[in-house]
Protein backbone atom coordinates (compact mmCIF):
# COMPACT_ATOMS: atom_id res chain seq x y z
CA MET A 1 -9.90 45.46 37.66
CA PRO A 2 -13.28 44.04 36.59
CA SER A 3 -13.36 41.53 33.77
CA VAL A 4 -15.88 39.81 31.52
CA THR A 5 -15.56 36.21 30.36
CA LEU A 6 -16.58 35.88 26.72
CA ALA A 7 -16.83 32.85 24.45
CA ALA A 8 -13.10 32.81 23.68
CA ALA A 9 -11.47 35.22 26.12
CA THR A 10 -11.53 36.97 29.46
CA ILE A 11 -11.34 40.73 28.93
CA GLU A 12 -10.23 43.13 31.64
CA TYR A 13 -11.70 46.63 31.43
CA ARG A 14 -12.28 49.91 33.24
CA LEU A 15 -15.36 52.11 32.85
CA VAL A 16 -15.09 55.73 33.99
CA GLY A 17 -17.91 58.28 33.92
CA ALA A 18 -21.51 57.24 34.39
CA HIS A 19 -23.08 59.90 32.18
CA GLY A 20 -22.89 60.81 28.52
CA ASP A 21 -22.53 58.76 25.38
CA PRO A 22 -20.63 55.46 25.64
CA THR A 23 -17.11 55.82 24.27
CA VAL A 24 -14.65 52.96 23.84
CA LEU A 25 -10.88 53.40 23.49
CA VAL A 26 -9.15 50.64 21.50
CA HIS A 27 -5.39 50.43 21.98
CA GLY A 28 -2.97 49.40 19.24
CA SER A 29 -0.02 47.03 19.08
CA TRP A 30 2.94 47.37 21.48
CA THR A 31 0.65 48.89 24.14
CA ASP A 32 -2.25 48.06 26.46
CA ARG A 33 -5.02 50.18 27.97
CA ALA A 34 -2.45 52.17 29.98
CA VAL A 35 -1.73 54.14 26.80
CA TRP A 36 -5.05 55.98 27.40
CA ALA A 37 -4.35 57.05 31.00
CA GLU A 38 -4.05 60.79 30.26
CA VAL A 39 -7.06 60.80 27.91
CA VAL A 40 -9.60 59.08 30.13
CA ARG A 41 -10.00 61.83 32.72
CA PRO A 42 -10.94 64.68 30.36
CA LEU A 43 -13.08 62.44 28.14
CA SER A 44 -14.98 60.96 31.07
CA ARG A 45 -16.20 64.41 32.18
CA GLY A 46 -18.82 64.21 29.44
CA LEU A 47 -18.69 60.63 28.20
CA ALA A 48 -18.99 57.15 29.72
CA THR A 49 -15.46 56.06 28.81
CA LEU A 50 -14.40 52.42 28.51
CA THR A 51 -10.79 51.25 28.25
CA TYR A 52 -9.91 47.57 27.99
CA ASP A 53 -7.02 45.24 27.21
CA ARG A 54 -7.41 43.42 23.94
CA ARG A 55 -6.99 39.65 24.11
CA GLY A 56 -3.39 38.76 24.98
CA TYR A 57 -2.59 42.23 26.33
CA GLY A 58 -2.43 43.47 29.92
CA GLY A 59 -4.89 41.61 32.11
CA SER A 60 -6.90 39.96 29.29
CA ARG A 61 -6.49 36.29 28.48
CA GLY A 62 -7.47 33.89 25.74
CA PRO A 63 -6.08 31.91 22.81
CA VAL A 64 -4.11 33.80 20.19
CA PRO A 65 -6.60 34.86 17.50
CA GLU A 66 -6.13 33.27 14.09
CA ARG A 67 -7.70 36.35 12.48
CA PRO A 68 -6.80 39.13 14.93
CA VAL A 69 -8.74 42.01 13.37
CA ARG A 70 -12.04 40.14 13.13
CA GLU A 71 -11.69 38.26 16.41
CA ASP A 72 -10.71 41.41 18.31
CA ALA A 73 -13.72 43.16 16.79
CA ASP A 74 -15.93 40.27 17.90
CA ASP A 75 -14.44 40.40 21.41
CA LEU A 76 -15.21 44.10 21.57
CA ALA A 77 -18.79 43.59 20.37
CA ARG A 78 -19.37 40.97 23.06
CA LEU A 79 -17.81 43.20 25.71
CA MET A 80 -20.01 46.16 24.77
CA GLU A 81 -23.12 43.98 24.74
CA SER A 82 -22.29 42.41 28.10
CA LEU A 83 -21.93 45.89 29.63
CA ASP A 84 -24.97 47.26 27.74
CA LEU A 85 -22.65 49.98 26.45
CA PHE A 86 -23.81 50.80 22.94
CA PRO A 87 -24.14 52.45 20.50
CA ALA A 88 -20.71 53.86 21.24
CA HIS A 89 -18.10 56.16 19.80
CA LEU A 90 -15.01 54.06 18.99
CA ILE A 91 -11.56 55.63 19.20
CA GLY A 92 -8.65 53.50 18.06
CA GLN A 93 -4.92 54.04 17.66
CA GLY A 94 -2.90 52.08 15.11
CA PHE A 95 -4.13 48.48 14.98
CA GLY A 96 -6.96 49.58 17.29
CA GLY A 97 -8.26 51.74 14.44
CA ALA A 98 -8.43 48.66 12.21
CA VAL A 99 -10.43 46.85 14.91
CA ALA A 100 -12.80 49.82 15.31
CA LEU A 101 -13.47 50.04 11.57
CA ARG A 102 -14.03 46.26 11.38
CA LEU A 103 -16.62 46.44 14.15
CA ALA A 104 -18.34 49.39 12.46
CA VAL A 105 -18.65 47.34 9.26
CA ASP A 106 -19.78 44.14 10.99
CA ARG A 107 -22.06 45.60 13.66
CA PRO A 108 -23.03 49.17 12.76
CA GLU A 109 -25.89 49.08 15.26
CA LEU A 110 -23.28 49.05 18.05
CA VAL A 111 -21.35 52.06 16.75
CA ARG A 112 -22.15 55.76 16.75
CA SER A 113 -18.91 57.09 15.21
CA VAL A 114 -15.29 56.05 14.66
CA VAL A 115 -11.99 57.84 15.15
CA ALA A 116 -8.94 56.01 13.78
CA HIS A 117 -5.45 57.44 14.37
CA ASP A 118 -2.79 56.13 11.97
CA PRO A 119 -4.42 52.81 10.95
CA PRO A 120 -1.68 50.58 9.44
CA PHE A 121 -3.21 49.81 6.04
CA LEU A 122 0.02 49.81 3.99
CA VAL A 123 -1.27 47.48 1.28
CA LEU A 124 -3.92 50.06 0.35
CA LEU A 125 -1.04 52.31 -0.68
CA GLU A 126 0.80 49.52 -2.46
CA GLU A 127 -2.22 49.30 -4.77
CA ASN A 128 -1.92 53.01 -5.58
CA PRO A 129 0.60 53.64 -8.41
CA VAL A 130 1.68 56.93 -6.84
CA TRP A 131 2.73 55.32 -3.54
CA ARG A 132 3.44 51.74 -4.69
CA ALA A 133 7.22 51.84 -4.39
CA GLU A 134 7.29 53.59 -1.02
CA ALA A 135 4.59 51.34 0.43
CA GLY A 136 6.33 48.24 -0.92
CA ALA A 137 9.56 49.28 0.79
CA ALA A 138 7.68 49.83 4.08
CA ILE A 139 6.07 46.39 3.84
CA ALA A 140 9.45 44.78 3.15
CA GLU A 141 10.84 46.53 6.22
CA LEU A 142 7.86 45.31 8.25
CA ARG A 143 8.61 41.72 7.24
CA ARG A 144 12.28 42.13 8.15
CA ASP A 145 11.33 43.46 11.57
CA GLN A 146 8.96 40.54 12.09
CA ALA A 147 11.84 38.16 11.34
CA ARG A 148 14.03 40.04 13.83
CA VAL A 149 11.38 39.64 16.55
CA ARG A 150 11.25 35.90 15.87
CA ALA A 151 15.04 35.86 16.21
CA GLY A 152 14.82 37.38 19.69
CA GLU A 153 15.26 41.11 18.91
CA GLY A 154 11.82 42.19 20.10
CA ALA A 155 12.99 44.89 22.50
CA GLN A 156 15.23 46.52 19.90
CA VAL A 157 12.53 46.37 17.22
CA ALA A 158 10.07 47.96 19.67
CA ARG A 159 12.49 50.86 20.28
CA GLU A 160 13.27 51.44 16.60
CA ARG A 161 9.69 51.29 15.35
CA TRP A 162 8.40 53.44 18.21
CA ASP A 163 10.96 56.17 17.51
CA ARG A 164 10.30 56.05 13.75
CA GLU A 165 6.54 56.27 14.06
CA ALA A 166 6.72 58.94 16.76
CA GLY A 167 8.88 61.01 14.42
CA ALA A 168 11.49 61.61 17.10
CA ALA A 169 14.68 59.80 18.05
CA GLY A 170 14.59 58.88 21.73
CA ALA A 171 10.76 58.84 21.94
CA TRP A 172 10.86 55.31 23.35
CA ASP A 173 13.13 56.47 26.17
CA GLN A 174 10.58 59.11 27.18
CA ILE A 175 8.20 56.35 28.32
CA GLU A 176 8.56 55.22 31.91
CA GLU A 177 10.70 52.13 32.30
CA GLU A 178 7.96 49.81 33.58
CA LEU A 179 5.78 50.54 30.55
CA ARG A 180 8.71 50.05 28.14
CA ARG A 181 9.43 46.67 29.68
CA ARG A 182 5.79 45.60 29.51
CA TRP A 183 5.12 46.89 26.02
CA ALA A 184 8.31 45.40 24.54
CA GLY A 185 6.93 42.08 25.76
CA PHE A 186 4.10 42.41 23.24
CA ALA A 187 6.49 42.00 20.30
CA ASP A 188 5.24 38.50 19.46
CA ARG A 189 1.63 39.75 19.44
CA TRP A 190 2.65 42.53 17.05
CA VAL A 191 4.08 39.91 14.69
CA GLN A 192 0.90 37.85 14.88
CA GLU A 193 -1.30 40.88 14.23
CA ARG A 194 0.68 42.02 11.22
CA GLN A 195 0.47 38.55 9.74
CA ASP A 196 -3.28 39.12 9.41
CA PRO A 197 -3.84 40.43 5.85
CA GLU A 198 -6.75 42.54 7.11
CA SER A 199 -4.42 44.51 9.39
CA LEU A 200 -2.73 45.84 6.25
CA ARG A 201 -5.67 46.01 3.87
CA PRO A 202 -9.37 46.35 4.68
CA ASP A 203 -11.87 45.51 1.96
CA PRO A 204 -12.62 48.85 0.24
CA SER A 205 -16.02 47.58 -0.93
CA GLU A 206 -17.01 47.01 2.69
CA LEU A 207 -15.72 50.39 3.84
CA SER A 208 -17.51 52.17 1.00
CA GLY A 209 -20.84 51.00 2.40
CA LEU A 210 -20.22 52.45 5.85
CA ASP A 211 -22.46 55.44 6.56
CA LEU A 212 -21.24 56.25 10.08
CA PRO A 213 -19.15 59.39 10.62
CA VAL A 214 -15.44 58.60 10.64
CA LEU A 215 -12.55 60.87 11.63
CA LEU A 216 -9.11 59.79 10.46
CA THR A 217 -6.25 61.46 12.29
CA THR A 218 -2.51 61.44 11.94
CA GLY A 219 0.30 63.35 13.59
CA GLU A 220 2.43 66.00 11.93
CA ARG A 221 5.43 63.95 13.07
CA SER A 222 3.93 60.54 12.30
CA TRP A 223 5.42 58.35 9.60
CA PRO A 224 4.35 60.17 6.38
CA LEU A 225 2.73 57.03 4.97
CA TYR A 226 0.04 57.29 7.64
CA GLU A 227 -1.20 60.57 6.19
CA ARG A 228 -1.34 58.97 2.75
CA ILE A 229 -3.31 56.04 4.16
CA GLY A 230 -5.74 58.57 5.65
CA GLU A 231 -6.12 60.28 2.28
CA GLN A 232 -6.83 56.94 0.62
CA LEU A 233 -9.46 56.08 3.22
CA VAL A 234 -11.18 59.45 2.84
CA GLU A 235 -11.64 58.64 -0.84
CA THR A 236 -13.16 55.26 0.06
CA LEU A 237 -15.44 56.08 2.99
CA ARG A 238 -18.71 57.96 2.45
CA ASN A 239 -18.65 60.10 5.57
CA ALA A 240 -15.00 60.62 6.54
CA SER A 241 -12.57 63.46 7.13
CA LEU A 242 -8.84 63.61 7.82
CA ARG A 243 -7.05 65.85 10.32
CA THR A 244 -3.35 66.20 10.95
CA LEU A 245 -2.49 66.97 14.58
CA PRO A 246 0.33 69.53 14.82
CA GLY A 247 3.50 68.67 16.65
CA VAL A 248 2.65 65.06 17.55
CA GLY A 249 3.34 61.59 16.19
CA HIS A 250 1.85 58.12 16.34
CA GLN A 251 0.78 58.16 20.02
CA PRO A 252 -1.09 61.43 20.70
CA SER A 253 -2.74 59.95 23.80
CA LEU A 254 0.76 59.93 25.36
CA THR A 255 2.42 62.97 23.83
CA ALA A 256 -0.44 65.46 23.45
CA PRO A 257 -3.49 64.16 25.36
CA GLU A 258 -5.20 67.55 25.78
CA ALA A 259 -4.90 68.41 22.10
CA PHE A 260 -6.07 64.93 21.14
CA VAL A 261 -9.12 65.15 23.38
CA GLY A 262 -9.91 68.58 21.94
CA THR A 263 -9.82 67.11 18.43
CA LEU A 264 -12.07 64.24 19.47
CA MET A 265 -14.68 66.47 21.09
CA SER A 266 -14.63 68.89 18.18
CA PHE A 267 -15.37 66.00 15.82
CA LEU A 268 -18.31 64.84 17.89
CA LEU A 269 -19.84 68.32 17.95
CA GLU A 270 -19.20 69.05 14.28
CA ARG A 271 -20.90 65.83 13.25
CA ASP A 272 -23.88 66.67 15.44
CA VAL A 273 -23.16 63.66 17.64
CA PRO A 274 -24.05 64.67 21.23
CA SER A 275 -21.14 64.43 23.67
CA THR A 276 -23.23 64.70 26.84
């Protein structure tokens, strides 16, 4: 795979489709760019579609970021500039949604629109009196799981959290064995990313100044707190909408790629953002 050497990292990427608007897919924690495999083909029929491994994932290398959200956003900006691939639609899952929104705030000239599926901003809910108790319990559970990973239980934590967020027991076992093995190996990176306060709480004052169109999505079977996070973000962002995808959970690119692509393309057309 081709790669680009940046100031702090070497990023491996794949660009498919030479025509149409640039579109960048930003994977979340526990996964690498392989999570987008079933989405790339239909998207690339009308869009120049870039997938890449964030620093420390897959084929990308570099020191562990001290501030993962901001440094990953900076890596992505440098990658897009080096490939002359901007302004682009950004599509992120989980932590990838946090990275996409950070880049949109920092470098809006590089971004045309943002889609964020289930961004993990639990602290936003903890600040809401309606959801404070439930969000606080989820954050406490997150910290316990981080401690379990440090104690050597990364593979078990990966299985449990994947099943919970997919909304289906046994969801982890539906993934092919090689991917499970590889993705469970990212447990330490997940811990590092969730130690970044910005992975759990973006600055609402920064988001409120963002004019770009933003689509927040969640799955009908996703962890219910994700829908509440989406509702909170819709109240904060100027130009945002929230859609719940029927019958899917936290990883629609794996479980319902055709429906996910349909949602993405519908958003681009509705917002009068050309897709070809």
